[in-house]
Amino acid sequence: MRDKEAENVRLRRGNNRWKDEAEPEFIRRLESNIMSAGNVVGIYYPEERTAGGYVVYQAEPEELEKPLAERIPPTPLRHYYGYKDGKWHDDLYISMGLSDTRALRKVLADDQFELPGERILEFGCSAGRLLRHFENEAKEAEAWGVDLHSSGIHWAQEHLSPPFHFFTNSTVPHLPFEDGYFGLIFAGSVWTHIGELDDAWLLELRRILRPGGRIYITISDENTLAEIKRLQPDQASNQHVAELDAATGMLSQDYVQFVTRSTPWLQRSVYNREAWLRRISGWLDVKIARPNAYGWQTGILLEKRPS
């Protein structure tokens, strides 16, 4: 009986200690430790919460009366898109997304791929920065967005649906769609952050793509490194690459891929383009590889071979 009472006291103290320390900074440190564990899968970025939980609010009616292009997420959900000269610019956030989707449409047109009537998936959609510009396609067929950041997904569900569909996924290479469900899957600046299981994710996207469908992804490669070094020599990523090169000498060797730092959000994955394309060409046909298609990133268009 005495042992049971002692255990209850210990548990109560443990709970109180957790409550006292469960402040935002503590939560951020805990999240960073979990997300940095490279051998842990099935993780995602949850909503920030107090000890009592969290709330997802409906969009205001007047917000839903605006065109989709004018429904702007709060700044923490923009991931620095639209941030310039120390300020946030709503019009820049929209115009950058529109520019990136136009580049995607140009690649598809150059490959003579017709988009109308195809189901679309944006893999790593955040708060719908790119997907929002496929409104017409979403009215003809389903258009989905998925992301690790649940707060961005919750915002998009309330502000951009309908016509789009959204859900939070995890780092497990699986999406709950049947084989061959989509005609187009695109991922802008996502493979730049996948340090582990990148091949498994590509094969999962291939599984849910119909034969003859297209996957468009953007990657950082040797051209990206050169462009950043040339145009922004003071950017922090140059230092991250230099530090890893000093430790490994990878830039003077025949690397296929290297990853700086850790966590899905902070890490940067860089490929030797030709070596990487040579490997994945065993699974998908490489249709177009276009440097500077997405800022400094290279756009890669892939086709699932007809069965």
C-alpha atoms as a PDB file:
ATOM      1  CA  MET A   1       0.000   0.000   0.000  1.00  0.00           C
ATOM      2  CA  ARG A   2       2.844   2.335   0.897  1.00  0.00           C
ATOM      3  CA  ASP A   3       4.524   1.579  -2.437  1.00  0.00           C
ATOM      4  CA  LYS A   4       1.288   2.417  -4.287  1.00  0.00           C
ATOM      5  CA  GLU A   5       0.982   5.775  -2.521  1.00  0.00           C
ATOM      6  CA  ALA A   6       4.596   6.596  -3.292  1.00  0.00           C
ATOM      7  CA  GLU A   7       4.012   5.799  -6.958  1.00  0.00           C
ATOM      8  CA  ASN A   8       0.951   8.079  -7.040  1.00  0.00           C
ATOM      9  CA  VAL A   9       2.968  10.913  -5.507  1.00  0.00           C
ATOM     10  CA  ARG A  10       5.733  10.370  -8.047  1.00  0.00           C
ATOM     11  CA  LEU A  11       3.252  10.463 -10.942  1.00  0.00           C
ATOM     12  CA  ARG A  12       1.592  13.622  -9.611  1.00  0.00           C
ATOM     13  CA  ARG A  13       4.948  15.327  -9.279  1.00  0.00           C
ATOM     14  CA  GLY A  14       5.870  14.181 -12.759  1.00  0.00           C
ATOM     15  CA  ASN A  15       2.670  15.613 -14.200  1.00  0.00           C
ATOM     16  CA  ASN A  16       3.132  18.899 -12.348  1.00  0.00           C
ATOM     17  CA  ARG A  17       6.730  19.151 -13.498  1.00  0.00           C
ATOM     18  CA  TRP A  18       5.621  18.568 -17.100  1.00  0.00           C
ATOM     19  CA  LYS A  19       2.927  21.201 -16.792  1.00  0.00           C
ATOM     20  CA  ASP A  20       5.334  23.747 -15.346  1.00  0.00           C
ATOM     21  CA  GLU A  21       7.904  23.170 -18.089  1.00  0.00           C
ATOM     22  CA  ALA A  22       5.477  22.789 -21.004  1.00  0.00           C
ATOM     23  CA  GLU A  23       6.014  26.341 -22.233  1.00  0.00           C
ATOM     24  CA  PRO A  24       6.457  27.118 -25.949  1.00  0.00           C
ATOM     25  CA  GLU A  25      10.285  27.114 -25.772  1.00  0.00           C
ATOM     26  CA  PHE A  26      10.295  23.717 -24.072  1.00  0.00           C
ATOM     27  CA  ILE A  27       7.877  22.367 -26.678  1.00  0.00           C
ATOM     28  CA  ARG A  28      10.063  23.707 -29.473  1.00  0.00           C
ATOM     29  CA  ARG A  29      13.136  21.988 -28.020  1.00  0.00           C
ATOM     30  CA  LEU A  30      11.236  18.742 -27.629  1.00  0.00           C
ATOM     31  CA  GLU A  31       9.885  18.953 -31.182  1.00  0.00           C
ATOM     32  CA  SER A  32      13.350  19.677 -32.536  1.00  0.00           C
ATOM     33  CA  ASN A  33      14.781  16.620 -30.781  1.00  0.00           C
ATOM     34  CA  ILE A  34      12.025  14.376 -32.144  1.00  0.00           C
ATOM     35  CA  MET A  35      12.169  15.759 -35.682  1.00  0.00           C
ATOM     36  CA  SER A  36      15.965  15.495 -35.711  1.00  0.00           C
ATOM     37  CA  ALA A  37      15.885  11.752 -35.100  1.00  0.00           C
ATOM     38  CA  GLY A  38      16.744  10.473 -38.560  1.00  0.00           C
ATOM     39  CA  ASN A  39      15.644   6.923 -37.836  1.00  0.00           C
ATOM     40  CA  VAL A  40      12.143   7.879 -36.646  1.00  0.00           C
ATOM     41  CA  VAL A  41       9.327   7.871 -39.214  1.00  0.00           C
ATOM     42  CA  GLY A  42       5.668   8.696 -38.895  1.00  0.00           C
ATOM     43  CA  ILE A  43       6.388  12.168 -37.532  1.00  0.00           C
ATOM     44  CA  TYR A  44       4.890  15.502 -38.576  1.00  0.00           C
ATOM     45  CA  TYR A  45       4.749  19.100 -37.366  1.00  0.00           C
ATOM     46  CA  PRO A  46       1.757  19.364 -35.012  1.00  0.00           C
ATOM     47  CA  GLU A  47      -0.269  22.399 -34.053  1.00  0.00           C
ATOM     48  CA  GLU A  48       1.206  24.448 -31.230  1.00  0.00           C
ATOM     49  CA  ARG A  49      -0.875  23.844 -28.141  1.00  0.00           C
ATOM     50  CA  THR A  50      -1.204  24.904 -24.557  1.00  0.00           C
ATOM     51  CA  ALA A  51      -1.592  22.438 -21.704  1.00  0.00           C
ATOM     52  CA  GLY A  52      -5.314  22.524 -22.476  1.00  0.00           C
ATOM     53  CA  GLY A  53      -5.005  21.681 -26.177  1.00  0.00           C
ATOM     54  CA  TYR A  54      -5.574  23.680 -29.361  1.00  0.00           C
ATOM     55  CA  VAL A  55      -8.429  25.019 -31.503  1.00  0.00           C
ATOM     56  CA  VAL A  56      -9.014  25.166 -35.262  1.00  0.00           C
ATOM     57  CA  TYR A  57     -11.336  28.038 -36.233  1.00  0.00           C
ATOM     58  CA  GLN A  58     -13.637  28.321 -39.219  1.00  0.00           C
ATOM     59  CA  ALA A  59     -12.894  30.988 -41.810  1.00  0.00           C
ATOM     60  CA  GLU A  60     -14.899  34.187 -41.454  1.00  0.00           C
ATOM     61  CA  PRO A  61     -17.792  34.454 -43.961  1.00  0.00           C
ATOM     62  CA  GLU A  62     -16.351  37.636 -45.478  1.00  0.00           C
ATOM     63  CA  GLU A  63     -13.058  35.803 -46.017  1.00  0.00           C
ATOM     64  CA  LEU A  64     -14.803  33.090 -48.013  1.00  0.00           C
ATOM     65  CA  GLU A  65     -16.410  35.721 -50.232  1.00  0.00           C
ATOM     66  CA  LYS A  66     -12.964  36.711 -51.517  1.00  0.00           C
ATOM     67  CA  PRO A  67     -11.434  35.082 -54.619  1.00  0.00           C
ATOM     68  CA  LEU A  68      -9.090  32.223 -53.745  1.00  0.00           C
ATOM     69  CA  ALA A  69      -6.068  34.291 -54.721  1.00  0.00           C
ATOM     70  CA  GLU A  70      -6.932  36.861 -52.046  1.00  0.00           C
ATOM     71  CA  ARG A  71      -7.272  34.430 -49.142  1.00  0.00           C
ATOM     72  CA  ILE A  72      -3.815  34.841 -47.655  1.00  0.00           C
ATOM     73  CA  PRO A  73      -2.552  32.642 -44.794  1.00  0.00           C
ATOM     74  CA  PRO A  74      -0.991  34.209 -41.697  1.00  0.00           C
ATOM     75  CA  THR A  75       2.717  34.893 -41.996  1.00  0.00           C
ATOM     76  CA  PRO A  76       3.915  31.851 -39.948  1.00  0.00           C
ATOM     77  CA  LEU A  77       2.328  29.624 -42.616  1.00  0.00           C
ATOM     78  CA  ARG A  78       4.005  31.303 -45.597  1.00  0.00           C
ATOM     79  CA  HIS A  79       7.486  29.799 -45.059  1.00  0.00           C
ATOM     80  CA  TYR A  80       9.171  33.068 -46.078  1.00  0.00           C
ATOM     81  CA  TYR A  81       7.443  33.268 -49.463  1.00  0.00           C
ATOM     82  CA  GLY A  82       6.493  36.907 -49.987  1.00  0.00           C
ATOM     83  CA  TYR A  83       9.047  38.165 -47.434  1.00  0.00           C
ATOM     84  CA  LYS A  84      11.321  40.879 -48.800  1.00  0.00           C
ATOM     85  CA  ASP A  85      13.366  43.714 -47.332  1.00  0.00           C
ATOM     86  CA  GLY A  86      12.238  42.843 -43.824  1.00  0.00           C
ATOM     87  CA  LYS A  87       8.518  42.988 -44.646  1.00  0.00           C
ATOM     88  CA  TRP A  88       5.719  40.660 -45.650  1.00  0.00           C
ATOM     89  CA  HIS A  89       4.057  41.406 -48.984  1.00  0.00           C
ATOM     90  CA  ASP A  90       0.726  39.729 -49.709  1.00  0.00           C
ATOM     91  CA  ASP A  91       0.911  40.515 -53.412  1.00  0.00           C
ATOM     92  CA  LEU A  92       4.402  39.016 -53.627  1.00  0.00           C
ATOM     93  CA  TYR A  93       3.223  35.829 -51.929  1.00  0.00           C
ATOM     94  CA  ILE A  94       0.513  35.435 -54.575  1.00  0.00           C
ATOM     95  CA  SER A  95       2.644  36.472 -57.558  1.00  0.00           C
ATOM     96  CA  MET A  96       5.464  34.081 -56.610  1.00  0.00           C
ATOM     97  CA  GLY A  97       3.033  31.184 -56.423  1.00  0.00           C
ATOM     98  CA  LEU A  98       1.493  32.143 -59.746  1.00  0.00           C
ATOM     99  CA  SER A  99       4.928  32.399 -61.358  1.00  0.00           C
ATOM    100  CA  ASP A 100       5.931  28.944 -60.110  1.00  0.00           C
ATOM    101  CA  THR A 101       2.710  27.364 -61.378  1.00  0.00           C
ATOM    102  CA  ARG A 102       3.162  29.044 -64.765  1.00  0.00           C
ATOM    103  CA  ALA A 103       6.618  27.492 -64.968  1.00  0.00           C
ATOM    104  CA  LEU A 104       5.067  24.106 -64.187  1.00  0.00           C
ATOM    105  CA  ARG A 105       2.406  24.586 -66.855  1.00  0.00           C
ATOM    106  CA  LYS A 106       5.133  25.545 -69.339  1.00  0.00           C
ATOM    107  CA  VAL A 107       7.028  22.317 -68.664  1.00  0.00           C
ATOM    108  CA  LEU A 108       3.832  20.283 -69.107  1.00  0.00           C
ATOM    109  CA  ALA A 109       3.013  22.115 -72.342  1.00  0.00           C
ATOM    110  CA  ASP A 110       6.525  21.534 -73.681  1.00  0.00           C
ATOM    111  CA  ASP A 111       5.959  17.830 -73.047  1.00  0.00           C
ATOM    112  CA  GLN A 112       2.507  18.042 -74.704  1.00  0.00           C
ATOM    113  CA  PHE A 113       0.789  16.833 -71.552  1.00  0.00           C
ATOM    114  CA  GLU A 114      -2.843  17.954 -71.375  1.00  0.00           C
ATOM    115  CA  LEU A 115      -3.948  18.795 -67.859  1.00  0.00           C
ATOM    116  CA  PRO A 116      -7.761  19.238 -68.063  1.00  0.00           C
ATOM    117  CA  GLY A 117      -9.673  16.328 -66.546  1.00  0.00           C
ATOM    118  CA  GLU A 118      -6.694  14.946 -64.599  1.00  0.00           C
ATOM    119  CA  ARG A 119      -6.765  14.437 -60.837  1.00  0.00           C
ATOM    120  CA  ILE A 120      -4.008  16.547 -59.251  1.00  0.00           C
ATOM    121  CA  LEU A 121      -1.959  16.139 -56.079  1.00  0.00           C
ATOM    122  CA  GLU A 122       0.383  18.736 -54.621  1.00  0.00           C
ATOM    123  CA  PHE A 123       2.819  16.896 -52.364  1.00  0.00           C
ATOM    124  CA  GLY A 124       4.087  19.307 -49.703  1.00  0.00           C
ATOM    125  CA  CYS A 125       1.448  21.976 -50.309  1.00  0.00           C
ATOM    126  CA  SER A 126       1.893  24.027 -47.117  1.00  0.00           C
ATOM    127  CA  ALA A 127      -1.126  26.376 -47.018  1.00  0.00           C
ATOM    128  CA  GLY A 128      -1.904  25.907 -50.706  1.00  0.00           C
ATOM    129  CA  ARG A 129       0.498  28.487 -52.159  1.00  0.00           C
ATOM    130  CA  LEU A 130       0.661  26.698 -55.524  1.00  0.00           C
ATOM    131  CA  LEU A 131      -2.471  24.571 -55.519  1.00  0.00           C
ATOM    132  CA  ARG A 132      -4.758  27.617 -55.239  1.00  0.00           C
ATOM    133  CA  HIS A 133      -3.790  28.493 -58.825  1.00  0.00           C
ATOM    134  CA  PHE A 134      -5.383  25.275 -60.136  1.00  0.00           C
ATOM    135  CA  GLU A 135      -8.923  26.349 -59.319  1.00  0.00           C
ATOM    136  CA  ASN A 136     -10.313  25.593 -62.786  1.00  0.00           C
ATOM    137  CA  GLU A 137      -8.804  22.103 -62.788  1.00  0.00           C
ATOM    138  CA  ALA A 138     -10.194  21.461 -59.299  1.00  0.00           C
ATOM    139  CA  LYS A 139     -13.691  22.129 -60.606  1.00  0.00           C
ATOM    140  CA  GLU A 140     -13.261  19.516 -63.348  1.00  0.00           C
ATOM    141  CA  ALA A 141     -11.567  16.791 -61.293  1.00  0.00           C
ATOM    142  CA  GLU A 142     -10.271  16.296 -57.747  1.00  0.00           C
ATOM    143  CA  ALA A 143      -7.320  18.375 -56.567  1.00  0.00           C
ATOM    144  CA  TRP A 144      -5.585  17.414 -53.312  1.00  0.00           C
ATOM    145  CA  GLY A 145      -2.870  18.920 -51.129  1.00  0.00           C
ATOM    146  CA  VAL A 146      -0.889  17.165 -48.383  1.00  0.00           C
ATOM    147  CA  ASP A 147       1.821  18.391 -46.026  1.00  0.00           C
ATOM    148  CA  LEU A 148       3.674  17.599 -42.796  1.00  0.00           C
ATOM    149  CA  HIS A 149       2.654  20.946 -41.259  1.00  0.00           C
ATOM    150  CA  SER A 150      -0.761  20.373 -39.737  1.00  0.00           C
ATOM    151  CA  SER A 151      -1.333  24.072 -39.018  1.00  0.00           C
ATOM    152  CA  GLY A 152      -0.996  24.919 -42.712  1.00  0.00           C
ATOM    153  CA  ILE A 153      -3.335  22.069 -43.637  1.00  0.00           C
ATOM    154  CA  HIS A 154      -5.930  23.159 -41.066  1.00  0.00           C
ATOM    155  CA  TRP A 155      -5.861  26.700 -42.462  1.00  0.00           C
ATOM    156  CA  ALA A 156      -6.204  25.460 -46.048  1.00  0.00           C
ATOM    157  CA  GLN A 157      -9.097  23.164 -45.133  1.00  0.00           C
ATOM    158  CA  GLU A 158     -11.056  26.108 -43.783  1.00  0.00           C
ATOM    159  CA  HIS A 159     -10.086  28.735 -46.360  1.00  0.00           C
ATOM    160  CA  LEU A 160      -9.515  26.873 -49.658  1.00  0.00           C
ATOM    161  CA  SER A 161     -11.952  23.969 -49.471  1.00  0.00           C
ATOM    162  CA  PRO A 162     -13.981  23.690 -51.590  1.00  0.00           C
ATOM    163  CA  PRO A 163     -12.809  23.222 -54.285  1.00  0.00           C
ATOM    164  CA  PHE A 164      -9.584  21.668 -52.941  1.00  0.00           C
ATOM    165  CA  HIS A 165      -9.070  18.760 -50.535  1.00  0.00           C
ATOM    166  CA  PHE A 166      -6.329  18.690 -47.881  1.00  0.00           C
ATOM    167  CA  PHE A 167      -4.956  16.416 -45.162  1.00  0.00           C
ATOM    168  CA  THR A 168      -1.856  16.104 -42.994  1.00  0.00           C
ATOM    169  CA  ASN A 169       0.543  13.313 -43.859  1.00  0.00           C
ATOM    170  CA  SER A 170       3.623  12.112 -41.989  1.00  0.00           C
ATOM    171  CA  THR A 171       7.178  11.128 -42.887  1.00  0.00           C
ATOM    172  CA  VAL A 172       6.021   7.538 -43.504  1.00  0.00           C
ATOM    173  CA  PRO A 173       6.258   6.990 -47.291  1.00  0.00           C
ATOM    174  CA  HIS A 174       2.567   6.248 -47.734  1.00  0.00           C
ATOM    175  CA  LEU A 175      -0.454   8.190 -48.968  1.00  0.00           C
ATOM    176  CA  PRO A 176      -4.018   6.831 -48.618  1.00  0.00           C
ATOM    177  CA  PHE A 177      -4.908   6.707 -52.302  1.00  0.00           C
ATOM    178  CA  GLU A 178      -5.501   3.756 -54.570  1.00  0.00           C
ATOM    179  CA  ASP A 179      -3.037   2.776 -57.284  1.00  0.00           C
ATOM    180  CA  GLY A 180      -3.052   5.034 -60.340  1.00  0.00           C
ATOM    181  CA  TYR A 181      -5.381   7.625 -58.802  1.00  0.00           C
ATOM    182  CA  PHE A 182      -3.704  10.821 -60.082  1.00  0.00           C
ATOM    183  CA  GLY A 183      -2.717  12.087 -63.515  1.00  0.00           C
ATOM    184  CA  LEU A 184      -0.369  14.797 -62.199  1.00  0.00           C
ATOM    185  CA  ILE A 185       1.607  15.017 -58.966  1.00  0.00           C
ATOM    186  CA  PHE A 186       3.857  17.986 -58.279  1.00  0.00           C
ATOM    187  CA  ALA A 187       6.165  18.922 -55.409  1.00  0.00           C
ATOM    188  CA  GLY A 188       7.852  22.322 -55.342  1.00  0.00           C
ATOM    189  CA  SER A 189      10.879  22.568 -53.042  1.00  0.00           C
ATOM    190  CA  VAL A 190      10.046  19.323 -51.224  1.00  0.00           C
ATOM    191  CA  TRP A 191      12.817  16.988 -52.404  1.00  0.00           C
ATOM    192  CA  THR A 192      15.131  19.767 -51.252  1.00  0.00           C
ATOM    193  CA  HIS A 193      14.127  18.866 -47.671  1.00  0.00           C
ATOM    194  CA  ILE A 194      13.844  15.064 -47.773  1.00  0.00           C
ATOM    195  CA  GLY A 195      17.035  13.651 -46.282  1.00  0.00           C
ATOM    196  CA  GLU A 196      15.889  10.081 -45.746  1.00  0.00           C
ATOM    197  CA  LEU A 197      13.472   7.785 -47.589  1.00  0.00           C
ATOM    198  CA  ASP A 198      13.486  10.017 -50.669  1.00  0.00           C
ATOM    199  CA  ASP A 199      13.495   7.008 -52.997  1.00  0.00           C
ATOM    200  CA  ALA A 200      10.669   5.367 -51.053  1.00  0.00           C
ATOM    201  CA  TRP A 201       8.621   8.548 -51.374  1.00  0.00           C
ATOM    202  CA  LEU A 202       9.256   8.744 -55.120  1.00  0.00           C
ATOM    203  CA  LEU A 203       8.129   5.149 -55.531  1.00  0.00           C
ATOM    204  CA  GLU A 204       5.010   5.855 -53.466  1.00  0.00           C
ATOM    205  CA  LEU A 205       4.156   8.764 -55.755  1.00  0.00           C
ATOM    206  CA  ARG A 206       4.696   6.460 -58.718  1.00  0.00           C
ATOM    207  CA  ARG A 207       2.268   3.964 -57.183  1.00  0.00           C
ATOM    208  CA  ILE A 208      -0.595   6.454 -56.973  1.00  0.00           C
ATOM    209  CA  LEU A 209       0.136   7.896 -60.446  1.00  0.00           C
ATOM    210  CA  ARG A 210      -1.732   6.492 -63.449  1.00  0.00           C
ATOM    211  CA  PRO A 211       0.290   4.989 -66.314  1.00  0.00           C
ATOM    212  CA  GLY A 212       1.256   7.829 -68.624  1.00  0.00           C
ATOM    213  CA  GLY A 213       0.843  10.385 -65.816  1.00  0.00           C
ATOM    214  CA  ARG A 214       3.454  12.947 -64.819  1.00  0.00           C
ATOM    215  CA  ILE A 215       5.401  13.759 -61.664  1.00  0.00           C
ATOM    216  CA  TYR A 216       7.012  17.202 -61.446  1.00  0.00           C
ATOM    217  CA  ILE A 217       9.491  17.795 -58.634  1.00  0.00           C
ATOM    218  CA  THR A 218      12.146  20.420 -58.034  1.00  0.00           C
ATOM    219  CA  ILE A 219      15.594  19.625 -56.674  1.00  0.00           C
ATOM    220  CA  SER A 220      18.722  21.412 -55.557  1.00  0.00           C
ATOM    221  CA  ASP A 221      21.731  20.330 -57.612  1.00  0.00           C
ATOM    222  CA  GLU A 222      25.167  21.560 -58.645  1.00  0.00           C
ATOM    223  CA  ASN A 223      23.570  24.374 -60.673  1.00  0.00           C
ATOM    224  CA  THR A 224      21.629  25.472 -57.572  1.00  0.00           C
ATOM    225  CA  LEU A 225      24.822  25.596 -55.500  1.00  0.00           C
ATOM    226  CA  ALA A 226      26.564  27.698 -58.140  1.00  0.00           C
ATOM    227  CA  GLU A 227      23.638  30.120 -58.464  1.00  0.00           C
ATOM    228  CA  ILE A 228      23.325  30.689 -54.730  1.00  0.00           C
ATOM    229  CA  LYS A 229      27.065  31.190 -54.361  1.00  0.00           C
ATOM    230  CA  ARG A 230      27.093  33.638 -57.295  1.00  0.00           C
ATOM    231  CA  LEU A 231      24.013  35.682 -56.429  1.00  0.00           C
ATOM    232  CA  GLN A 232      23.912  35.474 -52.627  1.00  0.00           C
ATOM    233  CA  PRO A 233      27.401  34.706 -51.324  1.00  0.00           C
ATOM    234  CA  ASP A 234      26.380  35.637 -47.770  1.00  0.00           C
ATOM    235  CA  GLN A 235      23.442  33.218 -47.625  1.00  0.00           C
ATOM    236  CA  ALA A 236      23.687  30.796 -44.698  1.00  0.00           C
ATOM    237  CA  SER A 237      23.300  27.704 -46.897  1.00  0.00           C
ATOM    238  CA  ASN A 238      26.711  28.430 -48.438  1.00  0.00           C
ATOM    239  CA  GLN A 239      28.244  28.120 -44.992  1.00  0.00           C
ATOM    240  CA  HIS A 240      26.338  24.906 -44.266  1.00  0.00           C
ATOM    241  CA  VAL A 241      27.693  23.345 -47.463  1.00  0.00           C
ATOM    242  CA  ALA A 242      31.217  24.567 -46.700  1.00  0.00           C
ATOM    243  CA  GLU A 243      31.111  23.057 -43.211  1.00  0.00           C
ATOM    244  CA  LEU A 244      29.994  19.657 -44.507  1.00  0.00           C
ATOM    245  CA  ASP A 245      32.576  19.788 -47.297  1.00  0.00           C
ATOM    246  CA  ALA A 246      35.314  20.583 -44.778  1.00  0.00           C
ATOM    247  CA  ALA A 247      34.320  17.486 -42.811  1.00  0.00           C
ATOM    248  CA  THR A 248      33.818  15.112 -45.763  1.00  0.00           C
ATOM    249  CA  GLY A 249      35.411  16.571 -48.893  1.00  0.00           C
ATOM    250  CA  MET A 250      32.258  15.644 -50.810  1.00  0.00           C
ATOM    251  CA  LEU A 251      32.449  18.476 -53.350  1.00  0.00           C
ATOM    252  CA  SER A 252      35.669  17.065 -54.779  1.00  0.00           C
ATOM    253  CA  GLN A 253      34.258  13.521 -54.927  1.00  0.00           C
ATOM    254  CA  ASP A 254      31.574  11.747 -56.968  1.00  0.00           C
ATOM    255  CA  TYR A 255      28.628  12.221 -54.637  1.00  0.00           C
ATOM    256  CA  VAL A 256      25.038  11.376 -55.575  1.00  0.00           C
ATOM    257  CA  GLN A 257      23.450  13.308 -52.720  1.00  0.00           C
ATOM    258  CA  PHE A 258      24.386  15.178 -49.570  1.00  0.00           C
ATOM    259  CA  VAL A 259      22.248  16.615 -46.786  1.00  0.00           C
ATOM    260  CA  THR A 260      23.140  19.510 -44.505  1.00  0.00           C
ATOM    261  CA  ARG A 261      21.737  19.925 -40.991  1.00  0.00           C
ATOM    262  CA  SER A 262      18.669  18.034 -39.724  1.00  0.00           C
ATOM    263  CA  THR A 263      14.860  17.987 -39.337  1.00  0.00           C
ATOM    264  CA  PRO A 264      12.565  17.994 -42.401  1.00  0.00           C
ATOM    265  CA  TRP A 265      12.212  21.768 -42.330  1.00  0.00           C
ATOM    266  CA  LEU A 266      15.828  22.824 -41.711  1.00  0.00           C
ATOM    267  CA  GLN A 267      17.775  20.222 -43.643  1.00  0.00           C
ATOM    268  CA  ARG A 268      18.815  20.810 -47.251  1.00  0.00           C
ATOM    269  CA  SER A 269      19.214  17.915 -49.669  1.00  0.00           C
ATOM    270  CA  VAL A 270      21.392  18.404 -52.757  1.00  0.00           C
ATOM    271  CA  TYR A 271      21.762  15.977 -55.674  1.00  0.00           C
ATOM    272  CA  ASN A 272      24.289  15.373 -58.394  1.00  0.00           C
ATOM    273  CA  ARG A 273      21.641  15.726 -61.069  1.00  0.00           C
ATOM    274  CA  GLU A 274      22.921  13.290 -63.681  1.00  0.00           C
ATOM    275  CA  ALA A 275      23.822  10.584 -61.166  1.00  0.00           C
ATOM    276  CA  TRP A 276      20.435  10.837 -59.465  1.00  0.00           C
ATOM    277  CA  LEU A 277      18.471  10.869 -62.713  1.00  0.00           C
ATOM    278  CA  ARG A 278      20.418   7.860 -63.937  1.00  0.00           C
ATOM    279  CA  ARG A 279      19.295   5.887 -60.891  1.00  0.00           C
ATOM    280  CA  ILE A 280      15.628   6.840 -60.861  1.00  0.00           C
ATOM    281  CA  SER A 281      15.312   6.354 -64.631  1.00  0.00           C
ATOM    282  CA  GLY A 282      14.956   2.683 -63.825  1.00  0.00           C
ATOM    283  CA  TRP A 283      11.561   3.512 -62.274  1.00  0.00           C
ATOM    284  CA  LEU A 284      10.291   6.501 -64.268  1.00  0.00           C
ATOM    285  CA  ASP A 285      11.053   8.055 -67.637  1.00  0.00           C
ATOM    286  CA  VAL A 286      12.863  11.384 -67.390  1.00  0.00           C
ATOM    287  CA  LYS A 287      11.089  13.758 -69.753  1.00  0.00           C
ATOM    288  CA  ILE A 288      12.535  17.189 -68.947  1.00  0.00           C
ATOM    289  CA  ALA A 289      15.243  18.515 -66.612  1.00  0.00           C
ATOM    290  CA  ARG A 290      15.145  22.328 -66.540  1.00  0.00           C
ATOM    291  CA  PRO A 291      17.608  24.365 -64.420  1.00  0.00           C
ATOM    292  CA  ASN A 292      16.277  27.514 -62.726  1.00  0.00           C
ATOM    293  CA  ALA A 293      12.698  26.384 -63.207  1.00  0.00           C
ATOM    294  CA  TYR A 294      11.769  27.113 -59.582  1.00  0.00           C
ATOM    295  CA  GLY A 295      14.006  29.922 -58.430  1.00  0.00           C
ATOM    296  CA  TRP A 296      17.466  28.343 -58.340  1.00  0.00           C
ATOM    297  CA  GLN A 297      16.072  24.835 -58.253  1.00  0.00           C
ATOM    298  CA  THR A 298      15.928  22.473 -61.215  1.00  0.00           C
ATOM    299  CA  GLY A 299      12.531  21.232 -62.351  1.00  0.00           C
ATOM    300  CA  ILE A 300      12.318  17.531 -63.186  1.00  0.00           C
ATOM    301  CA  LEU A 301       9.390  16.092 -65.161  1.00  0.00           C
ATOM    302  CA  LEU A 302       8.929  12.328 -64.943  1.00  0.00           C
ATOM    303  CA  GLU A 303       6.485   9.959 -66.621  1.00  0.00           C
ATOM    304  CA  LYS A 304       5.106   6.670 -65.356  1.00  0.00           C
ATOM    305  CA  ARG A 305       5.594   4.190 -68.131  1.00  0.00           C
ATOM    306  CA  PRO A 306       2.375   2.956 -69.705  1.00  0.00           C
ATOM    307  CA  SER A 307       1.557  -0.563 -68.593  1.00  0.00           C
END
